[in-house]
Amino acid sequence: MIPRKRWKELLQETLPGEQAQLLMAPTFRGSFPDQGKQIRAAVLALLYPAGGEIHLVFMKRNEYDGLHSGQVSFPGGAWEPDDETLEQTALRETREEMGVEDRIEILGPLTPLHIPVSNFIVSPFVGWIDDTPVFHPDRSEVQYVIEISLRELLDPANSDSETLFHHNRPVKAPFYRVGKDKIWGATAMILSEFLQLAARMQKPRCS
């Protein structure tokens, strides 16, 4: 397993950034009118050991009358006035949505991402739990929890693309396959940067 210390070191270096995010961007991204002031939000890429491997957790959102209905996403949500920082937003939302009781350590930030369709500016963070957590998801928000190893996410066979229709025009939508589900859109873009870091960490370093 890649040690927590190495993750912290790498997150302090230059991040892959927007170039990595755009590898998983739908081709219709950016084709939305200006919606004014952006809404601050934060999500958490939560790492933990399970079965001798490092895992990452996602949530399948409930179906609702909204833009991100039924999507697979990182735990997270909008900043609230009681949140002193966006790190606190990510931690609070993760605890509320996933019912995590373990101590979570923030290892560092990823590159913020604007989501044009909802006008959120999302700040992603990477978190760590020392032991395998037990999740108690909020059923009012979460259909089910998806746990997957970094090894599986890094497997090229689990990334693909499909054709969707936006305003009756065909568009390419890249995605990651996780079991029966697909991770696409903003979550896939954030995950793309994260996985570039994970791949970099697996390469041997010069002494």
N, C-alpha and C. Protein backbone atom coordinates (compact mmCIF):
# COMPACT_ATOMS: atom_id res chain seq x y z
N MET A 1 0.84 -1.21 0.00
CA MET A 1 0.00 0.00 0.00
C MET A 1 0.87 1.25 0.00
N ILE A 2 0.42 2.28 -0.67
CA ILE A 2 1.14 3.56 -0.69
C ILE A 2 0.92 4.26 0.65
N PRO A 3 2.00 4.62 1.35
CA PRO A 3 1.84 5.21 2.69
C PRO A 3 1.21 6.59 2.66
N ARG A 4 0.53 6.88 3.76
CA ARG A 4 -0.11 8.19 3.92
C ARG A 4 0.90 9.33 3.75
N LYS A 5 2.10 9.14 4.31
CA LYS A 5 3.12 10.20 4.25
C LYS A 5 3.43 10.57 2.81
N ARG A 6 3.50 9.57 1.92
CA ARG A 6 3.81 9.85 0.52
C ARG A 6 2.69 10.63 -0.15
N TRP A 7 1.45 10.33 0.20
CA TRP A 7 0.33 11.10 -0.34
C TRP A 7 0.46 12.57 0.07
N LYS A 8 0.77 12.80 1.33
CA LYS A 8 0.88 14.18 1.81
C LYS A 8 1.99 14.92 1.07
N GLU A 9 3.12 14.24 0.85
CA GLU A 9 4.23 14.87 0.13
C GLU A 9 3.81 15.26 -1.28
N LEU A 10 3.16 14.36 -1.96
CA LEU A 10 2.82 14.61 -3.36
C LEU A 10 1.78 15.70 -3.51
N LEU A 11 0.85 15.78 -2.57
CA LEU A 11 -0.20 16.80 -2.64
C LEU A 11 0.34 18.21 -2.38
N GLN A 12 1.58 18.28 -1.87
CA GLN A 12 2.22 19.58 -1.67
C GLN A 12 3.03 20.01 -2.89
N GLU A 13 3.21 19.09 -3.85
CA GLU A 13 3.94 19.40 -5.06
C GLU A 13 2.99 19.98 -6.12
N THR A 14 3.52 20.26 -7.30
CA THR A 14 2.68 20.78 -8.38
C THR A 14 1.68 19.71 -8.81
N LEU A 15 0.41 20.07 -8.82
CA LEU A 15 -0.64 19.12 -9.15
C LEU A 15 -0.80 19.00 -10.67
N PRO A 16 -1.34 17.87 -11.14
CA PRO A 16 -1.61 17.73 -12.59
C PRO A 16 -2.54 18.81 -13.12
N GLY A 17 -3.52 19.25 -12.28
CA GLY A 17 -4.34 20.41 -12.61
C GLY A 17 -5.39 20.20 -13.68
N GLU A 18 -5.74 21.32 -14.32
CA GLU A 18 -6.85 21.33 -15.29
C GLU A 18 -6.58 20.39 -16.46
N GLN A 19 -5.34 20.27 -16.87
CA GLN A 19 -5.02 19.41 -18.01
C GLN A 19 -5.46 17.97 -17.72
N ALA A 20 -5.26 17.52 -16.50
CA ALA A 20 -5.69 16.17 -16.12
C ALA A 20 -7.21 16.09 -16.03
N GLN A 21 -7.83 17.12 -15.50
CA GLN A 21 -9.29 17.14 -15.38
C GLN A 21 -9.96 17.04 -16.75
N LEU A 22 -9.45 17.78 -17.70
CA LEU A 22 -10.09 17.86 -19.01
C LEU A 22 -10.05 16.54 -19.78
N LEU A 23 -9.18 15.63 -19.39
CA LEU A 23 -9.14 14.32 -20.05
C LEU A 23 -10.47 13.58 -19.92
N MET A 24 -11.23 13.89 -18.86
CA MET A 24 -12.50 13.21 -18.62
C MET A 24 -13.69 14.16 -18.74
N ALA A 25 -13.50 15.27 -19.42
CA ALA A 25 -14.57 16.26 -19.57
C ALA A 25 -15.50 15.88 -20.72
N PRO A 26 -16.82 15.93 -20.52
CA PRO A 26 -17.74 15.77 -21.65
C PRO A 26 -17.51 16.87 -22.68
N THR A 27 -17.75 16.57 -23.94
CA THR A 27 -17.46 17.55 -24.99
C THR A 27 -18.40 18.74 -24.97
N PHE A 28 -19.52 18.66 -24.23
CA PHE A 28 -20.41 19.82 -24.16
C PHE A 28 -20.09 20.71 -22.97
N ARG A 29 -19.04 20.39 -22.22
CA ARG A 29 -18.68 21.21 -21.07
C ARG A 29 -18.38 22.64 -21.49
N GLY A 30 -18.92 23.60 -20.74
CA GLY A 30 -18.66 24.99 -21.02
C GLY A 30 -19.68 25.64 -21.93
N SER A 31 -20.66 24.85 -22.42
CA SER A 31 -21.65 25.42 -23.34
C SER A 31 -22.89 25.90 -22.59
N PHE A 32 -22.66 26.56 -21.44
CA PHE A 32 -23.77 27.08 -20.63
C PHE A 32 -23.57 28.58 -20.43
N PRO A 33 -24.66 29.35 -20.35
CA PRO A 33 -24.53 30.80 -20.16
C PRO A 33 -23.98 31.15 -18.78
N ASP A 34 -23.39 32.34 -18.65
CA ASP A 34 -22.88 32.81 -17.37
C ASP A 34 -24.04 32.90 -16.38
N GLN A 35 -23.83 32.33 -15.18
CA GLN A 35 -24.90 32.31 -14.17
C GLN A 35 -24.57 33.19 -12.97
N GLY A 36 -23.60 34.08 -13.12
CA GLY A 36 -23.30 35.00 -12.03
C GLY A 36 -22.35 34.40 -11.00
N LYS A 37 -22.49 34.82 -9.76
CA LYS A 37 -21.57 34.41 -8.70
C LYS A 37 -21.59 32.90 -8.51
N GLN A 38 -20.41 32.31 -8.47
CA GLN A 38 -20.29 30.87 -8.31
C GLN A 38 -20.59 30.44 -6.87
N ILE A 39 -21.10 29.23 -6.72
CA ILE A 39 -21.46 28.68 -5.42
C ILE A 39 -20.32 27.81 -4.92
N ARG A 40 -19.80 28.12 -3.75
CA ARG A 40 -18.67 27.36 -3.22
C ARG A 40 -19.13 26.01 -2.67
N ALA A 41 -18.33 25.00 -2.93
CA ALA A 41 -18.63 23.66 -2.46
C ALA A 41 -17.32 22.90 -2.27
N ALA A 42 -17.38 21.76 -1.61
CA ALA A 42 -16.20 20.94 -1.38
C ALA A 42 -16.58 19.47 -1.37
N VAL A 43 -15.66 18.63 -1.84
CA VAL A 43 -15.86 17.18 -1.81
C VAL A 43 -14.62 16.54 -1.23
N LEU A 44 -14.77 15.27 -0.84
CA LEU A 44 -13.65 14.55 -0.21
C LEU A 44 -13.40 13.23 -0.91
N ALA A 45 -12.15 13.07 -1.39
CA ALA A 45 -11.69 11.78 -1.89
C ALA A 45 -11.10 11.05 -0.68
N LEU A 46 -11.86 10.14 -0.11
CA LEU A 46 -11.50 9.53 1.16
C LEU A 46 -10.80 8.19 0.94
N LEU A 47 -9.56 8.12 1.39
CA LEU A 47 -8.73 6.92 1.27
C LEU A 47 -8.72 6.15 2.58
N TYR A 48 -8.66 4.82 2.47
CA TYR A 48 -8.56 3.98 3.68
C TYR A 48 -8.12 2.58 3.27
N PRO A 49 -7.50 1.83 4.19
CA PRO A 49 -7.09 0.47 3.87
C PRO A 49 -8.25 -0.51 4.02
N ALA A 50 -8.30 -1.49 3.13
CA ALA A 50 -9.30 -2.56 3.22
C ALA A 50 -8.79 -3.75 2.43
N GLY A 51 -8.71 -4.91 3.07
CA GLY A 51 -8.26 -6.12 2.39
C GLY A 51 -6.86 -6.02 1.83
N GLY A 52 -6.00 -5.27 2.50
CA GLY A 52 -4.62 -5.15 2.05
C GLY A 52 -4.39 -4.17 0.92
N GLU A 53 -5.41 -3.40 0.55
CA GLU A 53 -5.29 -2.40 -0.51
C GLU A 53 -5.89 -1.08 -0.06
N ILE A 54 -5.47 -0.01 -0.74
CA ILE A 54 -6.07 1.30 -0.49
C ILE A 54 -7.36 1.42 -1.30
N HIS A 55 -8.40 1.88 -0.64
CA HIS A 55 -9.71 2.04 -1.28
C HIS A 55 -10.14 3.51 -1.28
N LEU A 56 -11.09 3.78 -2.14
CA LEU A 56 -11.71 5.10 -2.27
C LEU A 56 -13.21 4.87 -2.23
N VAL A 57 -13.95 5.80 -1.63
CA VAL A 57 -15.39 5.62 -1.49
C VAL A 57 -16.16 6.67 -2.30
N PHE A 58 -17.25 6.23 -2.90
CA PHE A 58 -18.18 7.10 -3.63
C PHE A 58 -19.58 6.84 -3.12
N MET A 59 -20.49 7.69 -3.50
CA MET A 59 -21.89 7.52 -3.15
C MET A 59 -22.76 7.62 -4.39
N LYS A 60 -23.77 6.77 -4.44
CA LYS A 60 -24.78 6.85 -5.50
C LYS A 60 -25.91 7.71 -4.96
N ARG A 61 -26.10 8.88 -5.55
CA ARG A 61 -27.11 9.80 -5.05
C ARG A 61 -28.52 9.31 -5.36
N ASN A 62 -29.45 9.69 -4.52
CA ASN A 62 -30.85 9.37 -4.75
C ASN A 62 -31.36 10.10 -5.99
N GLU A 63 -32.44 9.59 -6.53
CA GLU A 63 -33.12 10.28 -7.63
C GLU A 63 -33.94 11.44 -7.06
N TYR A 64 -33.80 12.61 -7.67
CA TYR A 64 -34.55 13.77 -7.22
C TYR A 64 -34.69 14.75 -8.38
N ASP A 65 -35.46 15.78 -8.19
CA ASP A 65 -35.68 16.77 -9.23
C ASP A 65 -34.53 17.79 -9.20
N GLY A 66 -33.40 17.39 -9.77
CA GLY A 66 -32.24 18.27 -9.73
C GLY A 66 -31.20 17.84 -10.75
N LEU A 67 -30.16 18.66 -10.91
CA LEU A 67 -29.17 18.47 -11.97
C LEU A 67 -28.28 17.25 -11.76
N HIS A 68 -28.02 16.87 -10.51
CA HIS A 68 -27.09 15.78 -10.24
C HIS A 68 -27.80 14.54 -9.70
N SER A 69 -29.08 14.44 -10.02
CA SER A 69 -29.89 13.31 -9.56
C SER A 69 -29.31 11.97 -10.02
N GLY A 70 -29.21 11.02 -9.10
CA GLY A 70 -28.82 9.66 -9.43
C GLY A 70 -27.38 9.46 -9.84
N GLN A 71 -26.55 10.49 -9.72
CA GLN A 71 -25.17 10.36 -10.15
C GLN A 71 -24.29 9.74 -9.07
N VAL A 72 -23.18 9.18 -9.50
CA VAL A 72 -22.15 8.70 -8.58
C VAL A 72 -21.20 9.87 -8.30
N SER A 73 -20.93 10.13 -7.04
CA SER A 73 -20.11 11.28 -6.70
C SER A 73 -19.27 11.01 -5.46
N PHE A 74 -18.30 11.88 -5.24
CA PHE A 74 -17.62 11.91 -3.96
C PHE A 74 -18.59 12.47 -2.92
N PRO A 75 -18.43 12.10 -1.64
CA PRO A 75 -19.21 12.81 -0.62
C PRO A 75 -18.82 14.28 -0.59
N GLY A 76 -19.80 15.14 -0.39
CA GLY A 76 -19.51 16.57 -0.35
C GLY A 76 -20.76 17.38 -0.65
N GLY A 77 -20.60 18.70 -0.61
CA GLY A 77 -21.74 19.56 -0.86
C GLY A 77 -21.37 21.02 -0.71
N ALA A 78 -22.37 21.86 -0.63
CA ALA A 78 -22.18 23.31 -0.62
C ALA A 78 -21.64 23.80 0.73
N TRP A 79 -20.82 24.83 0.64
CA TRP A 79 -20.32 25.54 1.83
C TRP A 79 -21.50 26.15 2.58
N GLU A 80 -21.43 26.12 3.91
CA GLU A 80 -22.43 26.75 4.75
C GLU A 80 -21.77 27.78 5.65
N PRO A 81 -22.52 28.80 6.09
CA PRO A 81 -21.91 29.88 6.88
C PRO A 81 -21.18 29.43 8.14
N ASP A 82 -21.58 28.32 8.73
CA ASP A 82 -20.91 27.83 9.94
C ASP A 82 -19.58 27.14 9.64
N ASP A 83 -19.30 26.88 8.36
CA ASP A 83 -18.04 26.25 7.98
C ASP A 83 -16.94 27.32 7.93
N GLU A 84 -15.91 27.16 8.76
CA GLU A 84 -14.83 28.14 8.76
C GLU A 84 -13.99 28.05 7.50
N THR A 85 -13.85 26.82 6.96
CA THR A 85 -13.05 26.61 5.75
C THR A 85 -13.77 25.62 4.86
N LEU A 86 -13.30 25.51 3.62
CA LEU A 86 -13.86 24.51 2.72
C LEU A 86 -13.44 23.10 3.11
N GLU A 87 -12.31 22.96 3.81
CA GLU A 87 -11.95 21.66 4.37
C GLU A 87 -13.04 21.20 5.34
N GLN A 88 -13.51 22.11 6.16
CA GLN A 88 -14.58 21.77 7.11
C GLN A 88 -15.86 21.40 6.37
N THR A 89 -16.12 22.06 5.25
CA THR A 89 -17.29 21.70 4.45
C THR A 89 -17.18 20.26 3.98
N ALA A 90 -16.02 19.89 3.45
CA ALA A 90 -15.82 18.53 2.96
C ALA A 90 -15.98 17.51 4.08
N LEU A 91 -15.42 17.79 5.25
CA LEU A 91 -15.52 16.87 6.39
C LEU A 91 -16.95 16.77 6.90
N ARG A 92 -17.61 17.91 7.04
CA ARG A 92 -18.99 17.91 7.55
C ARG A 92 -19.91 17.13 6.62
N GLU A 93 -19.82 17.41 5.33
CA GLU A 93 -20.69 16.74 4.37
C GLU A 93 -20.42 15.22 4.34
N THR A 94 -19.15 14.85 4.44
CA THR A 94 -18.80 13.42 4.44
C THR A 94 -19.40 12.73 5.66
N ARG A 95 -19.31 13.36 6.80
CA ARG A 95 -19.87 12.75 8.01
C ARG A 95 -21.40 12.69 7.94
N GLU A 96 -22.01 13.74 7.41
CA GLU A 96 -23.47 13.75 7.30
C GLU A 96 -23.98 12.72 6.30
N GLU A 97 -23.35 12.66 5.14
CA GLU A 97 -23.84 11.79 4.07
C GLU A 97 -23.47 10.33 4.27
N MET A 98 -22.25 10.09 4.75
CA MET A 98 -21.73 8.73 4.83
C MET A 98 -21.78 8.14 6.23
N GLY A 99 -22.05 8.97 7.23
CA GLY A 99 -22.12 8.47 8.59
C GLY A 99 -20.79 7.95 9.11
N VAL A 100 -19.70 8.59 8.71
CA VAL A 100 -18.36 8.15 9.13
C VAL A 100 -18.08 8.67 10.54
N GLU A 101 -17.71 7.77 11.43
CA GLU A 101 -17.41 8.16 12.79
C GLU A 101 -15.91 8.20 13.07
N ASP A 102 -15.11 7.60 12.19
CA ASP A 102 -13.66 7.56 12.40
C ASP A 102 -13.04 8.95 12.22
N ARG A 103 -11.85 9.12 12.79
CA ARG A 103 -11.11 10.36 12.61
C ARG A 103 -10.61 10.43 11.17
N ILE A 104 -10.89 11.54 10.49
CA ILE A 104 -10.44 11.75 9.12
C ILE A 104 -9.33 12.81 9.12
N GLU A 105 -8.22 12.48 8.51
CA GLU A 105 -7.12 13.44 8.35
C GLU A 105 -7.13 13.98 6.93
N ILE A 106 -7.10 15.28 6.79
CA ILE A 106 -7.00 15.90 5.46
C ILE A 106 -5.53 15.89 5.05
N LEU A 107 -5.25 15.24 3.91
CA LEU A 107 -3.88 15.13 3.43
C LEU A 107 -3.48 16.28 2.53
N GLY A 108 -4.45 16.90 1.88
CA GLY A 108 -4.15 18.02 1.01
C GLY A 108 -5.25 18.26 0.00
N PRO A 109 -5.17 19.36 -0.75
CA PRO A 109 -6.19 19.70 -1.75
C PRO A 109 -5.83 19.22 -3.14
N LEU A 110 -6.86 19.05 -3.96
CA LEU A 110 -6.70 18.90 -5.40
C LEU A 110 -7.09 20.22 -6.06
N THR A 111 -7.10 20.25 -7.36
CA THR A 111 -7.38 21.49 -8.09
C THR A 111 -8.88 21.79 -8.11
N PRO A 112 -9.29 23.00 -7.72
CA PRO A 112 -10.72 23.35 -7.79
C PRO A 112 -11.27 23.21 -9.21
N LEU A 113 -12.56 22.93 -9.29
CA LEU A 113 -13.21 22.69 -10.58
C LEU A 113 -14.55 23.42 -10.63
N HIS A 114 -14.77 24.18 -11.70
CA HIS A 114 -16.07 24.82 -11.90
C HIS A 114 -16.98 23.87 -12.65
N ILE A 115 -18.24 23.74 -12.18
CA ILE A 115 -19.24 22.91 -12.84
C ILE A 115 -20.26 23.85 -13.50
N PRO A 116 -20.16 24.08 -14.79
CA PRO A 116 -21.02 25.07 -15.44
C PRO A 116 -22.51 24.81 -15.30
N VAL A 117 -22.93 23.54 -15.35
CA VAL A 117 -24.36 23.24 -15.35
C VAL A 117 -25.04 23.66 -14.06
N SER A 118 -24.30 23.65 -12.92
CA SER A 118 -24.90 24.04 -11.65
C SER A 118 -24.24 25.27 -11.03
N ASN A 119 -23.19 25.77 -11.67
CA ASN A 119 -22.45 26.95 -11.23
C ASN A 119 -21.74 26.76 -9.89
N PHE A 120 -21.44 25.52 -9.53
CA PHE A 120 -20.64 25.26 -8.34
C PHE A 120 -19.16 25.39 -8.69
N ILE A 121 -18.38 25.96 -7.76
CA ILE A 121 -16.93 25.90 -7.82
C ILE A 121 -16.52 24.95 -6.70
N VAL A 122 -16.07 23.77 -7.09
CA VAL A 122 -15.85 22.68 -6.14
C VAL A 122 -14.37 22.60 -5.77
N SER A 123 -14.11 22.58 -4.47
CA SER A 123 -12.75 22.38 -3.97
C SER A 123 -12.63 20.94 -3.47
N PRO A 124 -11.86 20.10 -4.16
CA PRO A 124 -11.70 18.71 -3.72
C PRO A 124 -10.53 18.59 -2.73
N PHE A 125 -10.70 17.72 -1.75
CA PHE A 125 -9.64 17.41 -0.80
C PHE A 125 -9.45 15.90 -0.74
N VAL A 126 -8.25 15.50 -0.36
CA VAL A 126 -7.96 14.09 -0.15
C VAL A 126 -7.90 13.83 1.35
N GLY A 127 -8.65 12.83 1.80
CA GLY A 127 -8.68 12.51 3.22
C GLY A 127 -8.21 11.09 3.48
N TRP A 128 -7.91 10.80 4.71
CA TRP A 128 -7.35 9.49 5.09
C TRP A 128 -7.97 9.01 6.40
N ILE A 129 -8.32 7.72 6.43
CA ILE A 129 -8.73 7.05 7.67
C ILE A 129 -7.77 5.88 7.87
N ASP A 130 -7.28 5.71 9.09
CA ASP A 130 -6.27 4.68 9.36
C ASP A 130 -6.80 3.26 9.23
N ASP A 131 -8.05 3.06 9.58
CA ASP A 131 -8.64 1.73 9.57
C ASP A 131 -9.83 1.67 8.60
N THR A 132 -10.25 0.47 8.26
CA THR A 132 -11.40 0.31 7.38
C THR A 132 -12.65 0.85 8.07
N PRO A 133 -13.29 1.88 7.51
CA PRO A 133 -14.46 2.46 8.17
C PRO A 133 -15.73 1.65 7.93
N VAL A 134 -16.70 1.86 8.81
CA VAL A 134 -18.05 1.33 8.61
C VAL A 134 -18.93 2.52 8.25
N PHE A 135 -19.57 2.46 7.10
CA PHE A 135 -20.39 3.57 6.64
C PHE A 135 -21.84 3.38 7.05
N HIS A 136 -22.46 4.49 7.46
CA HIS A 136 -23.88 4.52 7.80
C HIS A 136 -24.52 5.65 7.00
N PRO A 137 -24.75 5.42 5.70
CA PRO A 137 -25.19 6.51 4.82
C PRO A 137 -26.56 7.07 5.17
N ASP A 138 -26.71 8.35 4.91
CA ASP A 138 -27.99 9.03 5.09
C ASP A 138 -28.90 8.64 3.93
N ARG A 139 -29.91 7.84 4.21
CA ARG A 139 -30.76 7.30 3.14
C ARG A 139 -31.61 8.36 2.47
N SER A 140 -31.69 9.54 3.06
CA SER A 140 -32.42 10.62 2.40
C SER A 140 -31.63 11.22 1.23
N GLU A 141 -30.31 10.95 1.23
CA GLU A 141 -29.45 11.49 0.17
C GLU A 141 -28.73 10.41 -0.64
N VAL A 142 -28.50 9.25 -0.01
CA VAL A 142 -27.62 8.25 -0.60
C VAL A 142 -28.37 6.95 -0.87
N GLN A 143 -28.35 6.50 -2.13
CA GLN A 143 -28.94 5.20 -2.46
C GLN A 143 -28.08 4.08 -1.88
N TYR A 144 -26.77 4.15 -2.18
CA TYR A 144 -25.86 3.15 -1.64
C TYR A 144 -24.42 3.67 -1.77
N VAL A 145 -23.54 3.01 -1.02
CA VAL A 145 -22.12 3.35 -0.98
C VAL A 145 -21.37 2.46 -1.96
N ILE A 146 -20.38 3.04 -2.65
CA ILE A 146 -19.55 2.30 -3.59
C ILE A 146 -18.10 2.37 -3.10
N GLU A 147 -17.52 1.23 -2.79
CA GLU A 147 -16.13 1.15 -2.36
C GLU A 147 -15.32 0.43 -3.44
N ILE A 148 -14.20 1.02 -3.82
CA ILE A 148 -13.39 0.44 -4.90
C ILE A 148 -11.91 0.70 -4.63
N SER A 149 -11.08 -0.27 -4.97
CA SER A 149 -9.64 -0.13 -4.74
C SER A 149 -9.01 0.78 -5.80
N LEU A 150 -7.90 1.41 -5.41
CA LEU A 150 -7.17 2.22 -6.38
C LEU A 150 -6.64 1.35 -7.52
N ARG A 151 -6.28 0.13 -7.21
CA ARG A 151 -5.81 -0.78 -8.26
C ARG A 151 -6.85 -0.93 -9.37
N GLU A 152 -8.12 -1.09 -8.99
CA GLU A 152 -9.18 -1.23 -9.99
C GLU A 152 -9.39 0.07 -10.75
N LEU A 153 -9.36 1.19 -10.06
CA LEU A 153 -9.57 2.47 -10.73
C LEU A 153 -8.44 2.79 -11.70
N LEU A 154 -7.24 2.33 -11.39
CA LEU A 154 -6.10 2.59 -12.26
C LEU A 154 -6.04 1.66 -13.46
N ASP A 155 -6.86 0.64 -13.47
CA ASP A 155 -6.89 -0.31 -14.58
C ASP A 155 -7.50 0.37 -15.81
N PRO A 156 -6.75 0.52 -16.91
CA PRO A 156 -7.28 1.19 -18.11
C PRO A 156 -8.57 0.56 -18.63
N ALA A 157 -8.80 -0.71 -18.32
CA ALA A 157 -10.01 -1.38 -18.80
C ALA A 157 -11.27 -0.79 -18.18
N ASN A 158 -11.11 -0.05 -17.07
CA ASN A 158 -12.27 0.52 -16.39
C ASN A 158 -12.54 1.97 -16.76
N SER A 159 -11.88 2.48 -17.79
CA SER A 159 -12.21 3.82 -18.31
C SER A 159 -12.66 3.69 -19.76
N ASP A 160 -13.69 4.43 -20.10
CA ASP A 160 -14.29 4.31 -21.43
C ASP A 160 -15.03 5.60 -21.73
N SER A 161 -15.78 5.63 -22.81
CA SER A 161 -16.61 6.78 -23.14
C SER A 161 -17.85 6.29 -23.86
N GLU A 162 -18.87 7.14 -23.88
CA GLU A 162 -20.11 6.81 -24.57
C GLU A 162 -20.67 8.08 -25.21
N THR A 163 -21.61 7.90 -26.10
CA THR A 163 -22.24 9.03 -26.76
C THR A 163 -23.56 9.34 -26.10
N LEU A 164 -23.71 10.60 -25.67
CA LEU A 164 -24.96 11.10 -25.11
C LEU A 164 -25.49 12.19 -26.05
N PHE A 165 -26.69 12.64 -25.76
CA PHE A 165 -27.27 13.71 -26.58
C PHE A 165 -27.56 14.93 -25.72
N HIS A 166 -27.01 16.07 -26.13
CA HIS A 166 -27.20 17.34 -25.44
C HIS A 166 -27.78 18.32 -26.44
N HIS A 167 -29.02 18.79 -26.17
CA HIS A 167 -29.73 19.64 -27.13
C HIS A 167 -29.76 19.00 -28.52
N ASN A 168 -30.05 17.70 -28.52
CA ASN A 168 -30.20 16.91 -29.74
C ASN A 168 -28.91 16.76 -30.54
N ARG A 169 -27.78 17.05 -29.90
CA ARG A 169 -26.50 16.88 -30.57
C ARG A 169 -25.71 15.78 -29.85
N PRO A 170 -25.07 14.88 -30.61
CA PRO A 170 -24.27 13.83 -29.96
C PRO A 170 -23.01 14.41 -29.34
N VAL A 171 -22.73 14.01 -28.12
CA VAL A 171 -21.52 14.45 -27.42
C VAL A 171 -20.83 13.24 -26.81
N LYS A 172 -19.53 13.32 -26.70
CA LYS A 172 -18.74 12.25 -26.10
C LYS A 172 -18.64 12.48 -24.59
N ALA A 173 -18.95 11.45 -23.81
CA ALA A 173 -18.89 11.55 -22.35
C ALA A 173 -17.98 10.45 -21.81
N PRO A 174 -16.74 10.78 -21.44
CA PRO A 174 -15.85 9.78 -20.84
C PRO A 174 -16.37 9.38 -19.45
N PHE A 175 -16.05 8.17 -19.03
CA PHE A 175 -16.48 7.71 -17.71
C PHE A 175 -15.54 6.63 -17.19
N TYR A 176 -15.59 6.42 -15.87
CA TYR A 176 -14.94 5.30 -15.21
C TYR A 176 -16.02 4.30 -14.83
N ARG A 177 -15.74 3.05 -15.07
CA ARG A 177 -16.70 2.00 -14.72
C ARG A 177 -16.37 1.47 -13.33
N VAL A 178 -17.37 1.46 -12.44
CA VAL A 178 -17.21 0.90 -11.10
C VAL A 178 -18.37 -0.07 -10.88
N GLY A 179 -18.10 -1.34 -11.14
CA GLY A 179 -19.17 -2.32 -11.04
C GLY A 179 -20.26 -2.03 -12.06
N LYS A 180 -21.49 -1.91 -11.58
CA LYS A 180 -22.61 -1.63 -12.47
C LYS A 180 -22.80 -0.15 -12.74
N ASP A 181 -21.99 0.69 -12.11
CA ASP A 181 -22.16 2.14 -12.19
C ASP A 181 -21.09 2.80 -13.04
N LYS A 182 -21.35 4.05 -13.41
CA LYS A 182 -20.40 4.86 -14.17
C LYS A 182 -20.16 6.17 -13.42
N ILE A 183 -18.91 6.57 -13.39
CA ILE A 183 -18.53 7.87 -12.83
C ILE A 183 -18.19 8.78 -14.00
N TRP A 184 -18.93 9.85 -14.17
CA TRP A 184 -18.67 10.75 -15.28
C TRP A 184 -18.87 12.19 -14.82
N GLY A 185 -18.72 13.12 -15.73
CA GLY A 185 -18.92 14.53 -15.41
C GLY A 185 -17.85 15.06 -14.47
N ALA A 186 -18.25 15.96 -13.57
CA ALA A 186 -17.30 16.62 -12.67
C ALA A 186 -16.55 15.63 -11.79
N THR A 187 -17.26 14.60 -11.30
CA THR A 187 -16.59 13.62 -10.44
C THR A 187 -15.49 12.90 -11.20
N ALA A 188 -15.74 12.52 -12.44
CA ALA A 188 -14.72 11.87 -13.25
C ALA A 188 -13.54 12.81 -13.51
N MET A 189 -13.80 14.09 -13.68
CA MET A 189 -12.73 15.05 -13.93
C MET A 189 -11.84 15.19 -12.70
N ILE A 190 -12.46 15.26 -11.51
CA ILE A 190 -11.69 15.32 -10.28
C ILE A 190 -10.90 14.02 -10.09
N LEU A 191 -11.57 12.91 -10.34
CA LEU A 191 -10.93 11.61 -10.19
C LEU A 191 -9.75 11.45 -11.16
N SER A 192 -9.85 12.02 -12.34
CA SER A 192 -8.78 11.94 -13.32
C SER A 192 -7.49 12.54 -12.77
N GLU A 193 -7.59 13.71 -12.15
CA GLU A 193 -6.40 14.31 -11.54
C GLU A 193 -5.89 13.45 -10.40
N PHE A 194 -6.80 12.97 -9.57
CA PHE A 194 -6.42 12.14 -8.44
C PHE A 194 -5.67 10.89 -8.91
N LEU A 195 -6.15 10.24 -9.96
CA LEU A 195 -5.53 9.00 -10.44
C LEU A 195 -4.18 9.26 -11.10
N GLN A 196 -4.00 10.44 -11.67
CA GLN A 196 -2.67 10.76 -12.18
C GLN A 196 -1.67 10.85 -11.04
N LEU A 197 -2.10 11.38 -9.90
CA LEU A 197 -1.23 11.40 -8.73
C LEU A 197 -0.96 9.98 -8.24
N ALA A 198 -2.00 9.16 -8.18
CA ALA A 198 -1.84 7.79 -7.72
C ALA A 198 -0.87 7.02 -8.62
N ALA A 199 -0.98 7.22 -9.93
CA ALA A 199 -0.07 6.56 -10.87
C ALA A 199 1.36 7.05 -10.68
N ARG A 200 1.51 8.34 -10.44
CA ARG A 200 2.83 8.92 -10.22
C ARG A 200 3.47 8.33 -8.96
N MET A 201 2.66 8.11 -7.95
CA MET A 201 3.18 7.60 -6.69
C MET A 201 3.64 6.15 -6.79
N GLN A 202 3.13 5.43 -7.74
CA GLN A 202 3.52 4.04 -7.90
C GLN A 202 4.83 3.88 -8.67
N LYS A 203 5.30 4.96 -9.27
CA LYS A 203 6.57 4.90 -10.00
C LYS A 203 7.72 5.01 -9.00
N PRO A 204 8.80 4.26 -9.21
CA PRO A 204 9.94 4.36 -8.30
C PRO A 204 10.59 5.73 -8.36
N ARG A 205 10.99 6.21 -7.20
CA ARG A 205 11.65 7.51 -7.12
C ARG A 205 13.17 7.34 -7.16
N CYS A 206 13.83 8.30 -7.77
CA CYS A 206 15.30 8.27 -7.79
C CYS A 206 15.81 8.63 -6.39
N SER A 207 16.81 7.93 -5.94
CA SER A 207 17.37 8.22 -4.61
C SER A 207 18.44 9.29 -4.71
